[in-house]
Amino acid sequence: MNKEYLSWRDVDALVDQLLPQIAGKFDVILMVTRGGIILGGILAEALDIRDVLTAAVAFPQDPEIERLAWPTFLQFPSDTLLRGRRVLIVDDVWKSGRTINAVRGRVETAGGKPATCVLHYKPGSSLFPNRQPDYYGAVTNRWIVYPWEIDRDTGFALLAPDPSLL
C-alpha cells in the first residue's frame, strides 16, 4: 500500500477544513485513543471546548473472530458526562470504522448525541457501507503517516519538525 507522509502544515490544512463545519455544534469532545488524541486536542483548543474525554477500545486480534467480536472498552466516560450532550467523537482515520462506530453506539446508549470526525476517511476499507464520518478532512485509500507518529522499529520520529514553524 502506498504511504502518504503528512507534515504539520498538511494537518493544519485539514483542520482548517473541519473547523467551519463543526464550530459551535458540540459540548464535548470524546477522543478515541491513541489516534484521536492529537486531533482532539487541536480541535478542543481551536473551538474552546473544555470538556474533553477519552475512550480506549480494543478488538480481539484473532483473524478467525475479529470481525464478529464485541469490543472491549478499556476506558470510557460515565453516562452522566454524555447524557443529553452533543458529543464530537474524534479519531485520526476511519479505516474499517469499527472502533469509532463502537464508540458512537456507547454514546447513543448513554443518551448522548454523537457525531464522528476524522482527518481521513477510507471508504474502500470501511465495514460500514451505509455509514461514513459526519465530518472528515479528506478521502483516501493510502496509508497515512501523521507527523506525530514514530517508526516503531527504530523509535525515532519519521518526520523532523518543520524549522519554519519553530
C-alpha atoms as a PDB file:
ATOM      1  CA  MET A   1       0.000   0.000   0.000  1.00  0.00           C
ATOM      2  CA  ASN A   2       1.260   3.462  -0.878  1.00  0.00           C
ATOM      3  CA  LYS A   3       2.203   5.600   2.092  1.00  0.00           C
ATOM      4  CA  GLU A   4       1.487   9.309   2.309  1.00  0.00           C
ATOM      5  CA  TYR A   5       3.623  11.263   4.763  1.00  0.00           C
ATOM      6  CA  LEU A   6       1.905  14.353   6.125  1.00  0.00           C
ATOM      7  CA  SER A   7       3.570  17.448   7.507  1.00  0.00           C
ATOM      8  CA  TRP A   8       2.160  19.594  10.274  1.00  0.00           C
ATOM      9  CA  ARG A   9       1.125  22.061   7.572  1.00  0.00           C
ATOM     10  CA  ASP A  10      -0.892  19.287   5.876  1.00  0.00           C
ATOM     11  CA  VAL A  11      -2.631  18.523   9.170  1.00  0.00           C
ATOM     12  CA  ASP A  12      -3.259  22.221   9.740  1.00  0.00           C
ATOM     13  CA  ALA A  13      -4.908  22.500   6.301  1.00  0.00           C
ATOM     14  CA  LEU A  14      -7.197  19.542   7.100  1.00  0.00           C
ATOM     15  CA  VAL A  15      -8.125  21.063  10.469  1.00  0.00           C
ATOM     16  CA  ASP A  16      -8.890  24.354   8.691  1.00  0.00           C
ATOM     17  CA  GLN A  17     -11.398  22.449   6.541  1.00  0.00           C
ATOM     18  CA  LEU A  18     -13.016  20.833   9.573  1.00  0.00           C
ATOM     19  CA  LEU A  19     -13.343  23.855  11.884  1.00  0.00           C
ATOM     20  CA  PRO A  20     -16.040  25.803   9.990  1.00  0.00           C
ATOM     21  CA  GLN A  21     -18.127  22.631   9.701  1.00  0.00           C
ATOM     22  CA  ILE A  22     -18.126  21.838  13.434  1.00  0.00           C
ATOM     23  CA  ALA A  23     -17.768  25.218  15.176  1.00  0.00           C
ATOM     24  CA  GLY A  24     -20.461  25.878  17.756  1.00  0.00           C
ATOM     25  CA  LYS A  25     -22.141  22.478  17.387  1.00  0.00           C
ATOM     26  CA  PHE A  26     -20.645  20.449  20.261  1.00  0.00           C
ATOM     27  CA  ASP A  27     -20.488  20.442  24.048  1.00  0.00           C
ATOM     28  CA  VAL A  28     -17.929  17.656  24.479  1.00  0.00           C
ATOM     29  CA  ILE A  29     -15.030  16.164  22.548  1.00  0.00           C
ATOM     30  CA  LEU A  30     -14.524  12.430  23.007  1.00  0.00           C
ATOM     31  CA  MET A  31     -11.073  11.448  21.746  1.00  0.00           C
ATOM     32  CA  VAL A  32     -10.509   7.845  20.695  1.00  0.00           C
ATOM     33  CA  THR A  33      -7.078   6.702  21.838  1.00  0.00           C
ATOM     34  CA  ARG A  34      -4.480   6.836  20.519  1.00  0.00           C
ATOM     35  CA  GLY A  35      -5.180   8.247  17.081  1.00  0.00           C
ATOM     36  CA  GLY A  36      -7.685  10.884  18.162  1.00  0.00           C
ATOM     37  CA  ILE A  37      -5.660  12.447  20.955  1.00  0.00           C
ATOM     38  CA  ILE A  38      -3.678  14.952  18.873  1.00  0.00           C
ATOM     39  CA  LEU A  39      -6.608  15.965  16.645  1.00  0.00           C
ATOM     40  CA  GLY A  40      -8.949  16.122  19.646  1.00  0.00           C
ATOM     41  CA  GLY A  41      -6.574  18.448  21.479  1.00  0.00           C
ATOM     42  CA  ILE A  42      -6.208  20.702  18.448  1.00  0.00           C
ATOM     43  CA  LEU A  43      -9.973  20.896  17.971  1.00  0.00           C
ATOM     44  CA  ALA A  44     -10.663  21.448  21.677  1.00  0.00           C
ATOM     45  CA  GLU A  45      -8.254  24.377  21.733  1.00  0.00           C
ATOM     46  CA  ALA A  46      -9.489  25.898  18.470  1.00  0.00           C
ATOM     47  CA  LEU A  47     -13.163  25.542  19.413  1.00  0.00           C
ATOM     48  CA  ASP A  48     -12.684  26.448  23.104  1.00  0.00           C
ATOM     49  CA  ILE A  49     -14.287  23.181  24.230  1.00  0.00           C
ATOM     50  CA  ARG A  50     -13.175  22.449  27.769  1.00  0.00           C
ATOM     51  CA  ASP A  51     -14.963  19.129  28.261  1.00  0.00           C
ATOM     52  CA  VAL A  52     -12.510  16.704  26.677  1.00  0.00           C
ATOM     53  CA  LEU A  53     -12.891  12.986  27.342  1.00  0.00           C
ATOM     54  CA  THR A  54     -11.175   9.810  26.156  1.00  0.00           C
ATOM     55  CA  ALA A  55     -12.298   6.376  25.044  1.00  0.00           C
ATOM     56  CA  ALA A  56      -9.995   3.383  24.621  1.00  0.00           C
ATOM     57  CA  VAL A  57     -11.340   0.431  22.645  1.00  0.00           C
ATOM     58  CA  ALA A  58      -9.735  -2.917  21.809  1.00  0.00           C
ATOM     59  CA  PHE A  59     -10.850  -5.642  19.441  1.00  0.00           C
ATOM     60  CA  PRO A  60      -9.502  -9.216  19.503  1.00  0.00           C
ATOM     61  CA  GLN A  61      -6.630  -9.665  17.055  1.00  0.00           C
ATOM     62  CA  ASP A  62      -7.647 -13.227  16.179  1.00  0.00           C
ATOM     63  CA  PRO A  63      -8.442 -13.204  12.420  1.00  0.00           C
ATOM     64  CA  GLU A  64     -10.975 -16.014  12.929  1.00  0.00           C
ATOM     65  CA  ILE A  65     -13.250 -13.866  15.081  1.00  0.00           C
ATOM     66  CA  GLU A  66     -12.086 -10.258  14.780  1.00  0.00           C
ATOM     67  CA  ARG A  67     -14.946  -9.084  12.529  1.00  0.00           C
ATOM     68  CA  LEU A  68     -17.567 -10.762  14.720  1.00  0.00           C
ATOM     69  CA  ALA A  69     -16.145  -9.977  18.159  1.00  0.00           C
ATOM     70  CA  TRP A  70     -17.519  -7.382  20.531  1.00  0.00           C
ATOM     71  CA  PRO A  71     -15.075  -4.662  21.526  1.00  0.00           C
ATOM     72  CA  THR A  72     -13.593  -4.290  24.962  1.00  0.00           C
ATOM     73  CA  PHE A  73     -13.875  -0.750  26.302  1.00  0.00           C
ATOM     74  CA  LEU A  74     -10.666  -0.256  28.246  1.00  0.00           C
ATOM     75  CA  GLN A  75     -11.644   3.286  29.175  1.00  0.00           C
ATOM     76  CA  PHE A  76     -14.900   5.142  28.679  1.00  0.00           C
ATOM     77  CA  PRO A  77     -16.541   8.168  30.342  1.00  0.00           C
ATOM     78  CA  SER A  78     -19.533   7.685  32.593  1.00  0.00           C
ATOM     79  CA  ASP A  79     -23.004   8.060  31.129  1.00  0.00           C
ATOM     80  CA  THR A  80     -23.610  11.196  33.209  1.00  0.00           C
ATOM     81  CA  LEU A  81     -20.846  13.023  31.298  1.00  0.00           C
ATOM     82  CA  LEU A  82     -22.540  12.236  27.965  1.00  0.00           C
ATOM     83  CA  ARG A  83     -26.290  12.222  28.595  1.00  0.00           C
ATOM     84  CA  GLY A  84     -28.117  14.980  26.718  1.00  0.00           C
ATOM     85  CA  ARG A  85     -24.879  16.441  25.362  1.00  0.00           C
ATOM     86  CA  ARG A  86     -23.658  16.960  21.805  1.00  0.00           C
ATOM     87  CA  VAL A  87     -20.560  14.778  21.588  1.00  0.00           C
ATOM     88  CA  LEU A  88     -17.930  15.047  18.858  1.00  0.00           C
ATOM     89  CA  ILE A  89     -16.123  11.693  18.624  1.00  0.00           C
ATOM     90  CA  VAL A  90     -12.635  12.271  17.197  1.00  0.00           C
ATOM     91  CA  ASP A  91     -10.140   9.833  15.676  1.00  0.00           C
ATOM     92  CA  ASP A  92      -7.362  10.240  13.121  1.00  0.00           C
ATOM     93  CA  VAL A  93      -8.628   7.852  10.431  1.00  0.00           C
ATOM     94  CA  TRP A  94     -11.763   5.847   9.590  1.00  0.00           C
ATOM     95  CA  LYS A  95     -10.368   2.669   8.079  1.00  0.00           C
ATOM     96  CA  SER A  96     -12.752  -0.169   8.936  1.00  0.00           C
ATOM     97  CA  GLY A  97     -14.949   2.125  11.036  1.00  0.00           C
ATOM     98  CA  ARG A  98     -15.329  -0.477  13.791  1.00  0.00           C
ATOM     99  CA  THR A  99     -13.738   1.494  16.598  1.00  0.00           C
ATOM    100  CA  ILE A 100     -15.433   4.841  16.019  1.00  0.00           C
ATOM    101  CA  ASN A 101     -18.820   3.187  15.468  1.00  0.00           C
ATOM    102  CA  ALA A 102     -18.452   1.172  18.670  1.00  0.00           C
ATOM    103  CA  VAL A 103     -17.808   4.446  20.495  1.00  0.00           C
ATOM    104  CA  ARG A 104     -20.761   6.075  18.722  1.00  0.00           C
ATOM    105  CA  GLY A 105     -23.006   3.237  19.917  1.00  0.00           C
ATOM    106  CA  ARG A 106     -21.880   3.647  23.527  1.00  0.00           C
ATOM    107  CA  VAL A 107     -22.505   7.411  23.390  1.00  0.00           C
ATOM    108  CA  GLU A 108     -26.007   6.835  21.974  1.00  0.00           C
ATOM    109  CA  THR A 109     -26.725   4.249  24.681  1.00  0.00           C
ATOM    110  CA  ALA A 110     -25.613   6.757  27.321  1.00  0.00           C
ATOM    111  CA  GLY A 111     -28.115   9.292  25.957  1.00  0.00           C
ATOM    112  CA  GLY A 112     -25.574  11.494  24.181  1.00  0.00           C
ATOM    113  CA  LYS A 113     -25.949  12.983  20.716  1.00  0.00           C
ATOM    114  CA  PRO A 114     -22.864  11.754  18.837  1.00  0.00           C
ATOM    115  CA  ALA A 115     -21.193  12.845  15.621  1.00  0.00           C
ATOM    116  CA  THR A 116     -17.934  11.477  14.256  1.00  0.00           C
ATOM    117  CA  CYS A 117     -14.904  13.388  12.980  1.00  0.00           C
ATOM    118  CA  VAL A 118     -11.687  12.116  11.390  1.00  0.00           C
ATOM    119  CA  LEU A 119      -8.860  13.591   9.379  1.00  0.00           C
ATOM    120  CA  HIS A 120      -9.042  10.789   6.785  1.00  0.00           C
ATOM    121  CA  TYR A 121     -11.891   8.602   5.592  1.00  0.00           C
ATOM    122  CA  LYS A 122     -11.115   5.359   3.732  1.00  0.00           C
ATOM    123  CA  PRO A 123     -14.416   4.222   2.168  1.00  0.00           C
ATOM    124  CA  GLY A 124     -12.705   1.358   0.324  1.00  0.00           C
ATOM    125  CA  SER A 125     -11.827  -0.418   3.573  1.00  0.00           C
ATOM    126  CA  SER A 126     -14.901   0.549   5.621  1.00  0.00           C
ATOM    127  CA  LEU A 127     -17.031  -2.252   7.017  1.00  0.00           C
ATOM    128  CA  PHE A 128     -19.990   0.168   7.114  1.00  0.00           C
ATOM    129  CA  PRO A 129     -21.075   0.803   3.514  1.00  0.00           C
ATOM    130  CA  ASN A 130     -24.145   2.794   4.585  1.00  0.00           C
ATOM    131  CA  ARG A 131     -22.331   4.991   7.092  1.00  0.00           C
ATOM    132  CA  GLN A 132     -19.483   7.456   6.878  1.00  0.00           C
ATOM    133  CA  PRO A 133     -17.928  10.002   9.245  1.00  0.00           C
ATOM    134  CA  ASP A 134     -20.078  13.052   9.854  1.00  0.00           C
ATOM    135  CA  TYR A 135     -17.001  15.224   9.320  1.00  0.00           C
ATOM    136  CA  TYR A 136     -13.730  14.374   7.590  1.00  0.00           C
ATOM    137  CA  GLY A 137     -10.835  16.305   6.135  1.00  0.00           C
ATOM    138  CA  ALA A 138     -10.022  14.076   3.159  1.00  0.00           C
ATOM    139  CA  VAL A 139     -10.888  10.804   1.427  1.00  0.00           C
ATOM    140  CA  THR A 140      -8.027   8.432   0.681  1.00  0.00           C
ATOM    141  CA  ASN A 141      -7.046   4.827   0.099  1.00  0.00           C
ATOM    142  CA  ARG A 142      -3.412   5.428   1.075  1.00  0.00           C
ATOM    143  CA  TRP A 143      -1.603   4.531   4.287  1.00  0.00           C
ATOM    144  CA  ILE A 144      -1.374   7.867   6.098  1.00  0.00           C
ATOM    145  CA  VAL A 145       1.653   8.614   8.255  1.00  0.00           C
ATOM    146  CA  TYR A 146       0.974  11.574  10.521  1.00  0.00           C
ATOM    147  CA  PRO A 147       3.809  13.857  11.679  1.00  0.00           C
ATOM    148  CA  TRP A 148       3.405  12.722  15.299  1.00  0.00           C
ATOM    149  CA  GLU A 149       3.773   9.031  14.528  1.00  0.00           C
ATOM    150  CA  ILE A 150       7.015   7.196  15.209  1.00  0.00           C
ATOM    151  CA  ASP A 151       8.729   4.382  13.390  1.00  0.00           C
ATOM    152  CA  ARG A 152       8.032   1.516  15.770  1.00  0.00           C
ATOM    153  CA  ASP A 153      11.140  -0.363  14.592  1.00  0.00           C
ATOM    154  CA  THR A 154      13.640   2.362  15.454  1.00  0.00           C
ATOM    155  CA  GLY A 155      11.798   4.524  17.971  1.00  0.00           C
ATOM    156  CA  PHE A 156      12.782   7.678  16.063  1.00  0.00           C
ATOM    157  CA  ALA A 157      10.363  10.187  14.644  1.00  0.00           C
ATOM    158  CA  LEU A 158       9.644   9.666  10.972  1.00  0.00           C
ATOM    159  CA  LEU A 159       9.430  13.355  10.225  1.00  0.00           C
ATOM    160  CA  ALA A 160      11.533  16.072  11.734  1.00  0.00           C
ATOM    161  CA  PRO A 161       9.777  19.236  12.885  1.00  0.00           C
ATOM    162  CA  ASP A 162       9.431  21.896  10.225  1.00  0.00           C
ATOM    163  CA  PRO A 163      12.082  24.517  11.145  1.00  0.00           C
ATOM    164  CA  SER A 164       9.906  27.347   9.816  1.00  0.00           C
ATOM    165  CA  LEU A 165       7.286  26.517  12.461  1.00  0.00           C
ATOM    166  CA  LEU A 166       9.717  26.742  15.392  1.00  0.00           C
END
